[in-house]
Amino acid sequence: MNGNTAKKPYDDYLRATHRLGRVVSVISLIMLVGAPFVMGGYLGAMPNLAAAAKGFLAVGLVWTVSSVVEFLVYTPMLGAGGSYLAFITGNLINMKIPCAMNARDMVNARTGTAENEIISTLSIATSSLVTIVVLALGVLLLTPLQPVLSSAALQPAFANVVPALFGAMAYQYYRKDVRLALIPLAVMTVLFTLLPSLTGSTSFMIIPSGALAIGLSWLKFRREAKA
């Protein structure tokens, strides 16, 4: 069996993935954007388009840049199927990206390969299904568990869920090159300390922090190549 014959099923899979992903993405976009208008028409309280446009201009430009950056950064990591699933279901940074990267590391798959494409798609699909099940159980058990969830003993845990998640995810990469990781971390820590308002634009700050990390990696590569 030659290489072209062996590659054909994978190419067919990618074409089918893009076709289905584009259709579902368009449907999801229509549903998300159309929901306020449908509810407004049904309830007789249509949204004020001028006020909505003004509100969008206040924050939309920043999030537009952020969404483009996230697409350019995450798509090569996740592959076609994983990217469609992740961007449609959402919660990329907190859930989908850590799940896909952990699954990729467990099987030693490399970015841009067919193995990474399949592993990312399966891991993100599993993450999405688990999220749906957990949310459904949470809705059903919200009232019975309300006294437990609102107890003072659990509040510190809820306040540190995100730092614990990112700390655990970051450590597995920081330990590969501690010196390379500490410089962007220190720079961003100082920057957020001096300018607390930037905490509301963490996605946008991926650009300078990522550029700094890439630049340092390139300098290290050049130095080691000359050695």
Protein backbone atom coordinates (compact mmCIF):
# COMPACT_ATOMS: atom_id res chain seq x y z
CA MET A 1 0.00 0.00 0.00
CA ASN A 2 1.55 3.31 -1.05
CA GLY A 3 1.58 6.53 0.98
CA ASN A 4 -1.19 8.21 -1.02
CA THR A 5 -3.56 5.28 -0.50
CA ALA A 6 -2.82 5.15 3.21
CA LYS A 7 -3.38 8.89 3.57
CA LYS A 8 -6.71 9.00 1.73
CA PRO A 9 -8.94 7.90 4.68
CA TYR A 10 -7.41 10.63 6.85
CA ASP A 11 -7.94 13.25 4.15
CA ASP A 12 -11.55 12.13 3.80
CA TYR A 13 -11.93 12.40 7.57
CA LEU A 14 -10.58 15.97 7.57
CA ARG A 15 -12.89 17.03 4.73
CA ALA A 16 -15.90 15.55 6.52
CA THR A 17 -14.81 17.20 9.78
CA HIS A 18 -14.51 20.64 8.18
CA ARG A 19 -17.84 20.25 6.38
CA LEU A 20 -19.71 19.23 9.53
CA GLY A 21 -17.81 21.71 11.70
CA ARG A 22 -18.67 24.66 9.46
CA VAL A 23 -22.35 23.73 9.34
CA VAL A 24 -22.61 23.31 13.10
CA SER A 25 -20.60 26.51 13.71
CA VAL A 26 -22.99 28.53 11.54
CA ILE A 27 -26.02 26.97 13.25
CA SER A 28 -24.53 27.69 16.69
CA LEU A 29 -23.74 31.28 15.74
CA ILE A 30 -27.27 31.87 14.46
CA MET A 31 -28.75 30.39 17.63
CA LEU A 32 -26.50 32.41 19.94
CA VAL A 33 -27.06 35.72 18.15
CA GLY A 34 -30.73 35.07 17.44
CA ALA A 35 -31.72 33.96 20.96
CA PRO A 36 -32.07 37.52 22.40
CA PHE A 37 -34.21 38.58 19.44
CA VAL A 38 -36.44 35.51 19.66
CA MET A 39 -36.95 35.98 23.40
CA GLY A 40 -37.43 39.71 22.95
CA GLY A 41 -40.04 39.20 20.25
CA TYR A 42 -41.87 36.57 22.28
CA LEU A 43 -41.89 38.70 25.45
CA GLY A 44 -42.49 41.98 23.64
CA ALA A 45 -39.22 43.47 24.88
CA MET A 46 -36.85 43.74 21.94
CA PRO A 47 -33.29 44.83 22.79
CA ASN A 48 -32.22 48.38 22.04
CA LEU A 49 -29.88 47.91 19.07
CA ALA A 50 -28.23 51.31 19.51
CA ALA A 51 -27.43 50.57 23.15
CA ALA A 52 -26.22 47.08 22.24
CA ALA A 53 -23.92 48.48 19.54
CA LYS A 54 -22.53 51.06 21.96
CA GLY A 55 -21.88 48.36 24.55
CA PHE A 56 -20.20 46.18 21.96
CA LEU A 57 -17.84 48.96 20.89
CA ALA A 58 -16.80 49.40 24.52
CA VAL A 59 -15.60 45.82 24.95
CA GLY A 60 -16.10 44.08 21.63
CA LEU A 61 -12.95 45.37 19.96
CA VAL A 62 -10.76 43.94 22.70
CA TRP A 63 -12.54 40.59 22.61
CA THR A 64 -12.39 40.52 18.82
CA VAL A 65 -8.61 40.75 18.93
CA SER A 66 -8.56 38.17 21.72
CA SER A 67 -10.73 35.74 19.77
CA VAL A 68 -8.48 36.01 16.71
CA VAL A 69 -5.40 35.40 18.85
CA GLU A 70 -7.01 32.40 20.55
CA PHE A 71 -7.92 30.95 17.16
CA LEU A 72 -4.37 31.34 15.85
CA VAL A 73 -2.83 29.90 19.03
CA TYR A 74 -5.22 27.06 19.85
CA THR A 75 -6.12 25.68 16.41
CA PRO A 76 -2.66 24.24 15.65
CA MET A 77 -2.67 22.65 19.11
CA LEU A 78 -6.13 21.08 18.84
CA GLY A 79 -6.44 20.18 15.17
CA ALA A 80 -9.60 20.51 13.09
CA GLY A 81 -12.06 18.34 15.02
CA GLY A 82 -10.86 19.48 18.43
CA SER A 83 -11.00 23.15 17.41
CA TYR A 84 -14.58 22.97 16.15
CA LEU A 85 -15.71 21.16 19.30
CA ALA A 86 -13.80 23.46 21.63
CA PHE A 87 -14.92 26.76 20.08
CA ILE A 88 -18.54 25.62 19.83
CA THR A 89 -18.80 24.29 23.39
CA GLY A 90 -16.60 26.99 24.92
CA ASN A 91 -14.58 27.10 28.16
CA LEU A 92 -11.32 26.53 26.29
CA ILE A 93 -8.76 27.84 28.78
CA ASN A 94 -10.31 26.31 31.90
CA MET A 95 -11.36 22.95 30.50
CA LYS A 96 -10.76 22.02 26.87
CA ILE A 97 -7.11 23.09 26.46
CA PRO A 98 -5.84 21.40 29.66
CA CYS A 99 -7.77 18.23 28.79
CA ALA A 100 -6.43 18.05 25.24
CA MET A 101 -2.84 18.85 26.21
CA ASN A 102 -2.85 16.31 29.03
CA ALA A 103 -4.23 13.61 26.71
CA ARG A 104 -1.63 14.49 24.06
CA ASP A 105 1.21 14.26 26.58
CA MET A 106 -0.03 10.92 27.89
CA VAL A 107 0.25 9.30 24.45
CA ASN A 108 3.27 11.37 23.31
CA ALA A 109 1.43 12.74 20.28
CA ARG A 110 3.02 15.63 18.41
CA THR A 111 1.21 18.77 17.26
CA GLY A 112 0.21 18.68 13.59
CA THR A 113 0.05 14.90 13.34
CA ALA A 114 -2.93 12.64 12.70
CA GLU A 115 -2.47 11.17 16.17
CA ASN A 116 -2.81 14.61 17.77
CA GLU A 117 -5.90 15.31 15.66
CA ILE A 118 -7.66 12.15 16.87
CA ILE A 119 -6.52 12.44 20.50
CA SER A 120 -7.57 16.10 20.75
CA THR A 121 -10.97 15.42 19.23
CA LEU A 122 -11.67 12.46 21.52
CA SER A 123 -10.45 14.25 24.66
CA ILE A 124 -12.44 17.43 23.99
CA ALA A 125 -15.55 15.43 23.07
CA THR A 126 -15.23 13.50 26.32
CA SER A 127 -14.68 16.73 28.25
CA SER A 128 -17.79 18.25 26.68
CA LEU A 129 -19.93 15.22 27.51
CA VAL A 130 -18.64 15.12 31.09
CA THR A 131 -19.35 18.84 31.44
CA ILE A 132 -22.93 18.36 30.26
CA VAL A 133 -23.46 15.48 32.71
CA VAL A 134 -21.96 17.44 35.60
CA LEU A 135 -24.05 20.52 34.80
CA ALA A 136 -27.20 18.40 34.58
CA LEU A 137 -26.45 16.80 37.95
CA GLY A 138 -25.63 20.22 39.38
CA VAL A 139 -29.01 21.59 38.31
CA LEU A 140 -30.82 18.59 39.74
CA LEU A 141 -28.89 18.61 43.03
CA LEU A 142 -28.57 22.37 43.46
CA THR A 143 -31.42 22.70 45.93
CA PRO A 144 -30.63 19.62 48.07
CA LEU A 145 -26.93 20.56 48.28
CA GLN A 146 -27.47 24.28 48.84
CA PRO A 147 -26.72 24.13 52.61
CA VAL A 148 -23.45 22.29 51.96
CA LEU A 149 -22.31 24.48 49.06
CA SER A 150 -23.01 27.69 50.95
CA SER A 151 -21.15 26.61 54.10
CA ALA A 152 -18.30 28.86 55.20
CA ALA A 153 -15.85 25.94 55.27
CA LEU A 154 -16.05 25.44 51.48
CA GLN A 155 -15.82 29.08 50.41
CA PRO A 156 -11.99 29.22 50.36
CA ALA A 157 -11.97 26.16 48.07
CA PHE A 158 -14.39 27.76 45.60
CA ALA A 159 -12.35 30.97 45.60
CA ASN A 160 -9.19 29.08 44.56
CA VAL A 161 -10.51 26.68 41.91
CA VAL A 162 -9.11 28.63 38.95
CA PRO A 163 -5.66 29.31 40.50
CA ALA A 164 -5.38 25.63 41.45
CA LEU A 165 -6.34 24.55 37.93
CA PHE A 166 -3.86 26.85 36.20
CA GLY A 167 -1.14 26.13 38.74
CA ALA A 168 -1.38 22.38 38.17
CA MET A 169 -1.49 22.83 34.41
CA ALA A 170 1.41 25.28 34.34
CA TYR A 171 3.72 23.22 36.53
CA GLN A 172 4.08 20.38 34.05
CA TYR A 173 5.46 22.89 31.52
CA TYR A 174 7.41 25.07 33.95
CA ARG A 175 9.43 22.10 35.16
CA LYS A 176 10.71 21.44 31.64
CA ASP A 177 12.64 24.72 31.69
CA VAL A 178 12.21 26.65 34.93
CA ARG A 179 14.42 29.58 33.91
CA LEU A 180 12.57 30.07 30.64
CA ALA A 181 9.21 29.97 32.42
CA LEU A 182 10.08 32.30 35.27
CA ILE A 183 10.89 35.36 33.16
CA PRO A 184 7.45 35.72 31.44
CA LEU A 185 5.78 34.79 34.75
CA ALA A 186 7.72 37.46 36.64
CA VAL A 187 7.13 40.12 33.97
CA MET A 188 3.37 39.45 33.85
CA THR A 189 3.15 39.36 37.65
CA VAL A 190 4.81 42.76 37.95
CA LEU A 191 2.68 44.16 35.13
CA PHE A 192 -0.60 42.98 36.66
CA THR A 193 0.50 44.25 40.08
CA LEU A 194 1.29 47.72 38.74
CA LEU A 195 -1.78 47.81 36.48
CA PRO A 196 -4.59 45.86 38.21
CA SER A 197 -7.04 46.94 35.51
CA LEU A 198 -5.36 44.49 33.12
CA THR A 199 -6.84 41.55 35.04
CA GLY A 200 -10.01 42.11 33.01
CA SER A 201 -8.06 41.59 29.77
CA THR A 202 -6.18 38.39 30.50
CA SER A 203 -7.00 36.90 27.09
CA PHE A 204 -5.62 39.97 25.35
CA MET A 205 -2.43 39.74 27.42
CA ILE A 206 -1.69 36.39 25.78
CA ILE A 207 -0.14 38.41 22.93
CA PRO A 208 2.73 40.10 24.86
CA SER A 209 3.33 37.18 27.22
CA GLY A 210 3.34 34.69 24.36
CA ALA A 211 5.62 36.91 22.29
CA LEU A 212 8.03 37.18 25.23
CA ALA A 213 8.09 33.41 25.74
CA ILE A 214 8.62 32.77 22.03
CA GLY A 215 11.40 35.36 21.86
CA LEU A 216 13.21 33.84 24.84
CA SER A 217 12.86 30.36 23.37
CA TRP A 218 14.29 31.56 20.07
CA LEU A 219 17.26 33.17 21.82
CA LYS A 220 17.89 29.97 23.76
CA PHE A 221 17.71 27.94 20.55
CA ARG A 222 20.20 30.23 18.81
CA ARG A 223 22.58 30.11 21.76
CA GLU A 224 22.46 26.32 21.95
CA ALA A 225 22.89 26.02 18.16
CA LYS A 226 26.11 28.04 18.32
CA ALA A 227 27.47 26.03 21.26
